[in-house]
mmCIF file of all heavy atoms, coordinates in Angstrom:
data_MODEL
# 
_entry.id   MODEL 
# 
loop_
_atom_site.group_PDB 
_atom_site.id 
_atom_site.type_symbol 
_atom_site.label_atom_id 
_atom_site.label_alt_id 
_atom_site.label_comp_id 
_atom_site.label_asym_id 
_atom_site.label_entity_id 
_atom_site.label_seq_id 
_atom_site.pdbx_PDB_ins_code 
_atom_site.Cartn_x 
_atom_site.Cartn_y 
_atom_site.Cartn_z 
_atom_site.occupancy 
_atom_site.B_iso_or_equiv 
_atom_site.pdbx_formal_charge 
_atom_site.auth_seq_id 
_atom_site.auth_comp_id 
_atom_site.auth_asym_id 
_atom_site.auth_atom_id 
_atom_site.pdbx_PDB_model_num 
ATOM 1   N N   . ALA A 1 1  ? -7.130  -7.612 24.373  1.00 0.00 ? 1  ALA A N   1 
ATOM 2   C CA  . ALA A 1 1  ? -7.281  -8.489 23.161  1.00 0.00 ? 1  ALA A CA  1 
ATOM 3   C C   . ALA A 1 1  ? -7.963  -7.712 22.040  1.00 0.00 ? 1  ALA A C   1 
ATOM 4   O O   . ALA A 1 1  ? -7.517  -7.652 20.904  1.00 0.00 ? 1  ALA A O   1 
ATOM 5   C CB  . ALA A 1 1  ? -7.996  -9.769 23.472  1.00 0.00 ? 1  ALA A CB  1 
ATOM 6   N N   . PHE A 1 2  ? -9.008  -6.997 22.428  1.00 0.00 ? 2  PHE A N   1 
ATOM 7   C CA  . PHE A 1 2  ? -9.780  -6.191 21.456  1.00 0.00 ? 2  PHE A CA  1 
ATOM 8   C C   . PHE A 1 2  ? -8.928  -5.096 20.852  1.00 0.00 ? 2  PHE A C   1 
ATOM 9   O O   . PHE A 1 2  ? -8.893  -4.832 19.677  1.00 0.00 ? 2  PHE A O   1 
ATOM 10  C CB  . PHE A 1 2  ? -11.091 -5.608 22.117  1.00 0.00 ? 2  PHE A CB  1 
ATOM 11  C CG  . PHE A 1 2  ? -11.835 -4.805 21.145  1.00 0.00 ? 2  PHE A CG  1 
ATOM 12  C CD1 . PHE A 1 2  ? -12.675 -5.370 20.119  1.00 0.00 ? 2  PHE A CD1 1 
ATOM 13  C CD2 . PHE A 1 2  ? -11.825 -3.440 21.199  1.00 0.00 ? 2  PHE A CD2 1 
ATOM 14  C CE1 . PHE A 1 2  ? -13.352 -4.624 19.258  1.00 0.00 ? 2  PHE A CE1 1 
ATOM 15  C CE2 . PHE A 1 2  ? -12.523 -2.645 20.302  1.00 0.00 ? 2  PHE A CE2 1 
ATOM 16  C CZ  . PHE A 1 2  ? -13.308 -3.199 19.347  1.00 0.00 ? 2  PHE A CZ  1 
ATOM 17  N N   . GLY A 1 3  ? -8.187  -4.424 21.760  1.00 0.00 ? 3  GLY A N   1 
ATOM 18  C CA  . GLY A 1 3  ? -7.268  -3.323 21.269  1.00 0.00 ? 3  GLY A CA  1 
ATOM 19  C C   . GLY A 1 3  ? -6.206  -3.832 20.338  1.00 0.00 ? 3  GLY A C   1 
ATOM 20  O O   . GLY A 1 3  ? -5.939  -3.170 19.296  1.00 0.00 ? 3  GLY A O   1 
ATOM 21  N N   . VAL A 1 4  ? -5.618  -4.957 20.670  1.00 0.00 ? 4  VAL A N   1 
ATOM 22  C CA  . VAL A 1 4  ? -4.554  -5.507 19.779  1.00 0.00 ? 4  VAL A CA  1 
ATOM 23  C C   . VAL A 1 4  ? -5.168  -5.892 18.457  1.00 0.00 ? 4  VAL A C   1 
ATOM 24  O O   . VAL A 1 4  ? -4.651  -5.631 17.394  1.00 0.00 ? 4  VAL A O   1 
ATOM 25  C CB  . VAL A 1 4  ? -3.886  -6.749 20.441  1.00 0.00 ? 4  VAL A CB  1 
ATOM 26  C CG1 . VAL A 1 4  ? -3.045  -7.500 19.454  1.00 0.00 ? 4  VAL A CG1 1 
ATOM 27  C CG2 . VAL A 1 4  ? -3.099  -6.326 21.654  1.00 0.00 ? 4  VAL A CG2 1 
ATOM 28  N N   . ALA A 1 5  ? -6.331  -6.502 18.467  1.00 0.00 ? 5  ALA A N   1 
ATOM 29  C CA  . ALA A 1 5  ? -7.053  -6.900 17.206  1.00 0.00 ? 5  ALA A CA  1 
ATOM 30  C C   . ALA A 1 5  ? -7.344  -5.646 16.363  1.00 0.00 ? 5  ALA A C   1 
ATOM 31  O O   . ALA A 1 5  ? -7.176  -5.691 15.160  1.00 0.00 ? 5  ALA A O   1 
ATOM 32  C CB  . ALA A 1 5  ? -8.267  -7.623 17.543  1.00 0.00 ? 5  ALA A CB  1 
ATOM 33  N N   . ALA A 1 6  ? -7.735  -4.661 17.031  1.00 0.00 ? 6  ALA A N   1 
ATOM 34  C CA  . ALA A 1 6  ? -8.098  -3.377 16.327  1.00 0.00 ? 6  ALA A CA  1 
ATOM 35  C C   . ALA A 1 6  ? -6.801  -2.747 15.693  1.00 0.00 ? 6  ALA A C   1 
ATOM 36  O O   . ALA A 1 6  ? -6.850  -2.379 14.501  1.00 0.00 ? 6  ALA A O   1 
ATOM 37  C CB  . ALA A 1 6  ? -8.786  -2.334 17.183  1.00 0.00 ? 6  ALA A CB  1 
ATOM 38  N N   . LEU A 1 7  ? -5.698  -2.789 16.427  1.00 0.00 ? 7  LEU A N   1 
ATOM 39  C CA  . LEU A 1 7  ? -4.457  -2.292 15.813  1.00 0.00 ? 7  LEU A CA  1 
ATOM 40  C C   . LEU A 1 7  ? -3.930  -3.108 14.693  1.00 0.00 ? 7  LEU A C   1 
ATOM 41  O O   . LEU A 1 7  ? -3.463  -2.574 13.696  1.00 0.00 ? 7  LEU A O   1 
ATOM 42  C CB  . LEU A 1 7  ? -3.388  -2.238 16.949  1.00 0.00 ? 7  LEU A CB  1 
ATOM 43  C CG  . LEU A 1 7  ? -3.522  -1.102 17.947  1.00 0.00 ? 7  LEU A CG  1 
ATOM 44  C CD1 . LEU A 1 7  ? -2.461  -1.313 19.070  1.00 0.00 ? 7  LEU A CD1 1 
ATOM 45  C CD2 . LEU A 1 7  ? -3.407  0.226  17.333  1.00 0.00 ? 7  LEU A CD2 1 
ATOM 46  N N   . LEU A 1 8  ? -4.115  -4.388 14.821  1.00 0.00 ? 8  LEU A N   1 
ATOM 47  C CA  . LEU A 1 8  ? -3.700  -5.307 13.677  1.00 0.00 ? 8  LEU A CA  1 
ATOM 48  C C   . LEU A 1 8  ? -4.551  -5.036 12.454  1.00 0.00 ? 8  LEU A C   1 
ATOM 49  O O   . LEU A 1 8  ? -4.049  -5.007 11.335  1.00 0.00 ? 8  LEU A O   1 
ATOM 50  C CB  . LEU A 1 8  ? -3.770  -6.752 14.103  1.00 0.00 ? 8  LEU A CB  1 
ATOM 51  C CG  . LEU A 1 8  ? -2.705  -7.214 15.092  1.00 0.00 ? 8  LEU A CG  1 
ATOM 52  C CD1 . LEU A 1 8  ? -2.952  -8.606 15.546  1.00 0.00 ? 8  LEU A CD1 1 
ATOM 53  C CD2 . LEU A 1 8  ? -1.311  -7.086 14.449  1.00 0.00 ? 8  LEU A CD2 1 
ATOM 54  N N   . ALA A 1 9  ? -5.856  -4.823 12.644  1.00 0.00 ? 9  ALA A N   1 
ATOM 55  C CA  . ALA A 1 9  ? -6.771  -4.553 11.542  1.00 0.00 ? 9  ALA A CA  1 
ATOM 56  C C   . ALA A 1 9  ? -6.380  -3.289 10.840  1.00 0.00 ? 9  ALA A C   1 
ATOM 57  O O   . ALA A 1 9  ? -6.382  -3.257 9.594   1.00 0.00 ? 9  ALA A O   1 
ATOM 58  C CB  . ALA A 1 9  ? -8.206  -4.592 11.956  1.00 0.00 ? 9  ALA A CB  1 
ATOM 59  N N   . VAL A 1 10 ? -6.024  -2.274 11.551  1.00 0.00 ? 10 VAL A N   1 
ATOM 60  C CA  . VAL A 1 10 ? -5.639  -0.954 10.964  1.00 0.00 ? 10 VAL A CA  1 
ATOM 61  C C   . VAL A 1 10 ? -4.310  -1.190 10.276  1.00 0.00 ? 10 VAL A C   1 
ATOM 62  O O   . VAL A 1 10 ? -4.096  -0.614 9.188   1.00 0.00 ? 10 VAL A O   1 
ATOM 63  C CB  . VAL A 1 10 ? -5.607  0.084  12.063  1.00 0.00 ? 10 VAL A CB  1 
ATOM 64  C CG1 . VAL A 1 10 ? -4.904  1.376  11.541  1.00 0.00 ? 10 VAL A CG1 1 
ATOM 65  C CG2 . VAL A 1 10 ? -6.974  0.380  12.582  1.00 0.00 ? 10 VAL A CG2 1 
ATOM 66  N N   . GLY A 1 11 ? -3.432  -1.945 10.826  1.00 0.00 ? 11 GLY A N   1 
ATOM 67  C CA  . GLY A 1 11 ? -2.111  -2.064 10.288  1.00 0.00 ? 11 GLY A CA  1 
ATOM 68  C C   . GLY A 1 11 ? -2.093  -3.057 9.134   1.00 0.00 ? 11 GLY A C   1 
ATOM 69  O O   . GLY A 1 11 ? -1.045  -3.150 8.470   1.00 0.00 ? 11 GLY A O   1 
ATOM 70  N N   . CYS A 1 12 ? -3.176  -3.672 8.706   1.00 0.00 ? 12 CYS A N   1 
ATOM 71  C CA  . CYS A 1 12 ? -3.168  -4.636 7.636   1.00 0.00 ? 12 CYS A CA  1 
ATOM 72  C C   . CYS A 1 12 ? -3.166  -3.978 6.228   1.00 0.00 ? 12 CYS A C   1 
ATOM 73  O O   . CYS A 1 12 ? -2.991  -4.628 5.269   1.00 0.00 ? 12 CYS A O   1 
ATOM 74  C CB  . CYS A 1 12 ? -4.372  -5.627 7.770   1.00 0.00 ? 12 CYS A CB  1 
ATOM 75  S SG  . CYS A 1 12 ? -4.128  -6.754 9.093   1.00 0.00 ? 12 CYS A SG  1 
ATOM 76  N N   . LYS A 1 13 ? -3.511  -2.686 6.199   1.00 0.00 ? 13 LYS A N   1 
ATOM 77  C CA  . LYS A 1 13 ? -3.505  -2.013 4.923   1.00 0.00 ? 13 LYS A CA  1 
ATOM 78  C C   . LYS A 1 13 ? -2.104  -1.947 4.358   1.00 0.00 ? 13 LYS A C   1 
ATOM 79  O O   . LYS A 1 13 ? -1.183  -1.509 5.014   1.00 0.00 ? 13 LYS A O   1 
ATOM 80  C CB  . LYS A 1 13 ? -4.024  -0.581 5.089   1.00 0.00 ? 13 LYS A CB  1 
ATOM 81  C CG  . LYS A 1 13 ? -4.106  0.234  3.794   1.00 0.00 ? 13 LYS A CG  1 
ATOM 82  C CD  . LYS A 1 13 ? -4.526  1.592  4.049   1.00 0.00 ? 13 LYS A CD  1 
ATOM 83  C CE  . LYS A 1 13 ? -4.506  2.404  2.766   1.00 0.00 ? 13 LYS A CE  1 
ATOM 84  N NZ  . LYS A 1 13 ? -3.171  2.952  2.470   1.00 0.00 ? 13 LYS A NZ  1 
ATOM 85  N N   . PRO A 1 14 ? -1.934  -2.493 3.128   1.00 0.00 ? 14 PRO A N   1 
ATOM 86  C CA  . PRO A 1 14 ? -0.566  -2.525 2.555   1.00 0.00 ? 14 PRO A CA  1 
ATOM 87  C C   . PRO A 1 14 ? -0.040  -1.106 2.370   1.00 0.00 ? 14 PRO A C   1 
ATOM 88  O O   . PRO A 1 14 ? -0.821  -0.254 1.917   1.00 0.00 ? 14 PRO A O   1 
ATOM 89  C CB  . PRO A 1 14 ? -0.762  -3.290 1.217   1.00 0.00 ? 14 PRO A CB  1 
ATOM 90  C CG  . PRO A 1 14 ? -2.214  -3.552 1.080   1.00 0.00 ? 14 PRO A CG  1 
ATOM 91  C CD  . PRO A 1 14 ? -2.909  -3.098 2.264   1.00 0.00 ? 14 PRO A CD  1 
ATOM 92  N N   . SER A 1 15 ? 1.244   -0.902 2.558   1.00 0.00 ? 15 SER A N   1 
ATOM 93  C CA  . SER A 1 15 ? 1.858   0.430  2.320   1.00 0.00 ? 15 SER A CA  1 
ATOM 94  C C   . SER A 1 15 ? 2.079   0.573  0.821   1.00 0.00 ? 15 SER A C   1 
ATOM 95  O O   . SER A 1 15 ? 2.455   -0.290 0.161   1.00 0.00 ? 15 SER A O   1 
ATOM 96  C CB  . SER A 1 15 ? 3.209   0.453  3.051   1.00 0.00 ? 15 SER A CB  1 
ATOM 97  O OG  . SER A 1 15 ? 3.000   0.352  4.456   1.00 0.00 ? 15 SER A OG  1 
ATOM 98  N N   . ALA A 1 16 ? 1.796   1.806  0.401   1.00 0.00 ? 16 ALA A N   1 
ATOM 99  C CA  . ALA A 1 16 ? 2.085   2.156  -0.986  1.00 0.00 ? 16 ALA A CA  1 
ATOM 100 C C   . ALA A 1 16 ? 3.534   2.557  -1.172  1.00 0.00 ? 16 ALA A C   1 
ATOM 101 O O   . ALA A 1 16 ? 4.052   3.265  -0.297  1.00 0.00 ? 16 ALA A O   1 
ATOM 102 C CB  . ALA A 1 16 ? 1.116   3.231  -1.476  1.00 0.00 ? 16 ALA A CB  1 
ATOM 103 N N   . VAL A 1 17 ? 4.170   2.105  -2.237  1.00 0.00 ? 17 VAL A N   1 
ATOM 104 C CA  . VAL A 1 17 ? 5.543   2.512  -2.508  1.00 0.00 ? 17 VAL A CA  1 
ATOM 105 C C   . VAL A 1 17 ? 5.551   3.339  -3.796  1.00 0.00 ? 17 VAL A C   1 
ATOM 106 O O   . VAL A 1 17 ? 4.708   3.200  -4.659  1.00 0.00 ? 17 VAL A O   1 
ATOM 107 C CB  . VAL A 1 17 ? 6.462   1.316  -2.678  1.00 0.00 ? 17 VAL A CB  1 
ATOM 108 C CG1 . VAL A 1 17 ? 6.549   0.553  -1.319  1.00 0.00 ? 17 VAL A CG1 1 
ATOM 109 C CG2 . VAL A 1 17 ? 6.062   0.381  -3.749  1.00 0.00 ? 17 VAL A CG2 1 
ATOM 110 N N   . PRO A 1 18 ? 6.493   4.272  -4.010  1.00 0.00 ? 18 PRO A N   1 
ATOM 111 C CA  . PRO A 1 18 ? 6.581   5.105  -5.171  1.00 0.00 ? 18 PRO A CA  1 
ATOM 112 C C   . PRO A 1 18 ? 6.681   4.294  -6.452  1.00 0.00 ? 18 PRO A C   1 
ATOM 113 O O   . PRO A 1 18 ? 7.446   3.325  -6.549  1.00 0.00 ? 18 PRO A O   1 
ATOM 114 C CB  . PRO A 1 18 ? 7.833   5.941  -4.964  1.00 0.00 ? 18 PRO A CB  1 
ATOM 115 C CG  . PRO A 1 18 ? 8.107   5.889  -3.540  1.00 0.00 ? 18 PRO A CG  1 
ATOM 116 C CD  . PRO A 1 18 ? 7.624   4.498  -3.043  1.00 0.00 ? 18 PRO A CD  1 
ATOM 117 N N   . VAL A 1 19 ? 5.838   4.683  -7.425  1.00 0.00 ? 19 VAL A N   1 
ATOM 118 C CA  . VAL A 1 19 ? 5.828   4.100  -8.765  1.00 0.00 ? 19 VAL A CA  1 
ATOM 119 C C   . VAL A 1 19 ? 5.816   5.205  -9.803  1.00 0.00 ? 19 VAL A C   1 
ATOM 120 O O   . VAL A 1 19 ? 4.842   5.985  -9.862  1.00 0.00 ? 19 VAL A O   1 
ATOM 121 C CB  . VAL A 1 19 ? 4.659   3.152  -8.973  1.00 0.00 ? 19 VAL A CB  1 
ATOM 122 C CG1 . VAL A 1 19 ? 4.582   2.587  -10.423 1.00 0.00 ? 19 VAL A CG1 1 
ATOM 123 C CG2 . VAL A 1 19 ? 4.653   1.962  -7.977  1.00 0.00 ? 19 VAL A CG2 1 
ATOM 124 N N   . LYS A 1 20 ? 6.916   5.300  -10.526 1.00 0.00 ? 20 LYS A N   1 
ATOM 125 C CA  . LYS A 1 20 ? 7.008   6.329  -11.586 1.00 0.00 ? 20 LYS A CA  1 
ATOM 126 C C   . LYS A 1 20 ? 7.127   5.594  -12.930 1.00 0.00 ? 20 LYS A C   1 
ATOM 127 O O   . LYS A 1 20 ? 7.951   4.678  -13.058 1.00 0.00 ? 20 LYS A O   1 
ATOM 128 C CB  . LYS A 1 20 ? 8.213   7.243  -11.388 1.00 0.00 ? 20 LYS A CB  1 
ATOM 129 C CG  . LYS A 1 20 ? 8.094   8.061  -10.149 1.00 0.00 ? 20 LYS A CG  1 
ATOM 130 C CD  . LYS A 1 20 ? 9.299   8.889  -9.962  1.00 0.00 ? 20 LYS A CD  1 
ATOM 131 C CE  . LYS A 1 20 ? 9.149   9.744  -8.644  1.00 0.00 ? 20 LYS A CE  1 
ATOM 132 N NZ  . LYS A 1 20 ? 10.312  10.614 -8.418  1.00 0.00 ? 20 LYS A NZ  1 
ATOM 133 N N   . VAL A 1 21 ? 6.342   6.000  -13.926 1.00 0.00 ? 21 VAL A N   1 
ATOM 134 C CA  . VAL A 1 21 ? 6.393   5.335  -15.216 1.00 0.00 ? 21 VAL A CA  1 
ATOM 135 C C   . VAL A 1 21 ? 6.521   6.410  -16.344 1.00 0.00 ? 21 VAL A C   1 
ATOM 136 O O   . VAL A 1 21 ? 6.171   7.582  -16.141 1.00 0.00 ? 21 VAL A O   1 
ATOM 137 C CB  . VAL A 1 21 ? 5.137   4.447  -15.514 1.00 0.00 ? 21 VAL A CB  1 
ATOM 138 C CG1 . VAL A 1 21 ? 5.072   3.375  -14.408 1.00 0.00 ? 21 VAL A CG1 1 
ATOM 139 C CG2 . VAL A 1 21 ? 3.916   5.206  -15.560 1.00 0.00 ? 21 VAL A CG2 1 
ATOM 140 N N   . LYS A 1 22 ? 7.015   5.901  -17.473 1.00 0.00 ? 22 LYS A N   1 
ATOM 141 C CA  . LYS A 1 22 ? 7.060   6.671  -18.662 1.00 0.00 ? 22 LYS A CA  1 
ATOM 142 C C   . LYS A 1 22 ? 6.382   5.857  -19.764 1.00 0.00 ? 22 LYS A C   1 
ATOM 143 O O   . LYS A 1 22 ? 6.573   4.628  -19.780 1.00 0.00 ? 22 LYS A O   1 
ATOM 144 C CB  . LYS A 1 22 ? 8.494   6.987  -19.115 1.00 0.00 ? 22 LYS A CB  1 
ATOM 145 C CG  . LYS A 1 22 ? 8.597   7.803  -20.396 1.00 0.00 ? 22 LYS A CG  1 
ATOM 146 C CD  . LYS A 1 22 ? 9.949   8.277  -20.672 1.00 0.00 ? 22 LYS A CD  1 
ATOM 147 C CE  . LYS A 1 22 ? 9.893   9.189  -21.900 1.00 0.00 ? 22 LYS A CE  1 
ATOM 148 N NZ  . LYS A 1 22 ? 11.226  9.835  -22.141 1.00 0.00 ? 22 LYS A NZ  1 
ATOM 149 N N   . VAL A 1 23 ? 5.586   6.477  -20.555 1.00 0.00 ? 23 VAL A N   1 
ATOM 150 C CA  . VAL A 1 23 ? 4.852   5.771  -21.599 1.00 0.00 ? 23 VAL A CA  1 
ATOM 151 C C   . VAL A 1 23 ? 5.291   6.335  -23.006 1.00 0.00 ? 23 VAL A C   1 
ATOM 152 O O   . VAL A 1 23 ? 5.254   7.543  -23.248 1.00 0.00 ? 23 VAL A O   1 
ATOM 153 C CB  . VAL A 1 23 ? 3.292   5.926  -21.465 1.00 0.00 ? 23 VAL A CB  1 
ATOM 154 C CG1 . VAL A 1 23 ? 2.585   5.193  -22.557 1.00 0.00 ? 23 VAL A CG1 1 
ATOM 155 C CG2 . VAL A 1 23 ? 2.822   5.483  -20.150 1.00 0.00 ? 23 VAL A CG2 1 
ATOM 156 N N   . THR A 1 24 ? 5.772   5.422  -23.866 1.00 0.00 ? 24 THR A N   1 
ATOM 157 C CA  . THR A 1 24 ? 6.076   5.784  -25.178 1.00 0.00 ? 24 THR A CA  1 
ATOM 158 C C   . THR A 1 24 ? 5.313   4.907  -26.171 1.00 0.00 ? 24 THR A C   1 
ATOM 159 O O   . THR A 1 24 ? 4.912   3.809  -25.865 1.00 0.00 ? 24 THR A O   1 
ATOM 160 C CB  . THR A 1 24 ? 7.634   5.648  -25.522 1.00 0.00 ? 24 THR A CB  1 
ATOM 161 O OG1 . THR A 1 24 ? 7.990   4.272  -25.344 1.00 0.00 ? 24 THR A OG1 1 
ATOM 162 C CG2 . THR A 1 24 ? 8.475   6.539  -24.604 1.00 0.00 ? 24 THR A CG2 1 
ATOM 163 N N   . HIS A 1 25 ? 5.036   5.406  -27.377 1.00 0.00 ? 25 HIS A N   1 
ATOM 164 C CA  . HIS A 1 25 ? 4.419   4.678  -28.413 1.00 0.00 ? 25 HIS A CA  1 
ATOM 165 C C   . HIS A 1 25 ? 5.333   4.871  -29.636 1.00 0.00 ? 25 HIS A C   1 
ATOM 166 O O   . HIS A 1 25 ? 5.493   5.943  -30.104 1.00 0.00 ? 25 HIS A O   1 
ATOM 167 C CB  . HIS A 1 25 ? 3.013   5.149  -28.668 1.00 0.00 ? 25 HIS A CB  1 
ATOM 168 C CG  . HIS A 1 25 ? 2.315   4.403  -29.785 1.00 0.00 ? 25 HIS A CG  1 
ATOM 169 N ND1 . HIS A 1 25 ? 1.810   4.973  -30.840 1.00 0.00 ? 25 HIS A ND1 1 
ATOM 170 C CD2 . HIS A 1 25 ? 2.082   3.130  -29.892 1.00 0.00 ? 25 HIS A CD2 1 
ATOM 171 C CE1 . HIS A 1 25 ? 1.248   4.112  -31.634 1.00 0.00 ? 25 HIS A CE1 1 
ATOM 172 N NE2 . HIS A 1 25 ? 1.433   2.926  -31.070 1.00 0.00 ? 25 HIS A NE2 1 
ATOM 173 N N   . ASP A 1 26 ? 5.779   3.701  -30.168 1.00 0.00 ? 26 ASP A N   1 
ATOM 174 C CA  . ASP A 1 26 ? 6.685   3.727  -31.318 1.00 0.00 ? 26 ASP A CA  1 
ATOM 175 C C   . ASP A 1 26 ? 7.884   4.744  -31.078 1.00 0.00 ? 26 ASP A C   1 
ATOM 176 O O   . ASP A 1 26 ? 8.247   5.473  -31.914 1.00 0.00 ? 26 ASP A O   1 
ATOM 177 C CB  . ASP A 1 26 ? 5.932   4.046  -32.614 1.00 0.00 ? 26 ASP A CB  1 
ATOM 178 C CG  . ASP A 1 26 ? 4.991   2.912  -33.013 1.00 0.00 ? 26 ASP A CG  1 
ATOM 179 O OD1 . ASP A 1 26 ? 5.225   1.783  -32.553 1.00 0.00 ? 26 ASP A OD1 1 
ATOM 180 O OD2 . ASP A 1 26 ? 3.978   3.197  -33.668 1.00 0.00 ? 26 ASP A OD2 1 
ATOM 181 N N   . GLY A 1 27 ? 8.411   4.740  -29.865 1.00 0.00 ? 27 GLY A N   1 
ATOM 182 C CA  . GLY A 1 27 ? 9.562   5.530  -29.512 1.00 0.00 ? 27 GLY A CA  1 
ATOM 183 C C   . GLY A 1 27 ? 9.262   6.968  -29.075 1.00 0.00 ? 27 GLY A C   1 
ATOM 184 O O   . GLY A 1 27 ? 10.207  7.688  -28.690 1.00 0.00 ? 27 GLY A O   1 
# 
């Protein structure tokens, strides 16, 4: 039970997905 709880706690970190942005100001 302790091992499963530890694995769940480690696995709770949300996965990051790629985010690409472009910034323009007045075109």
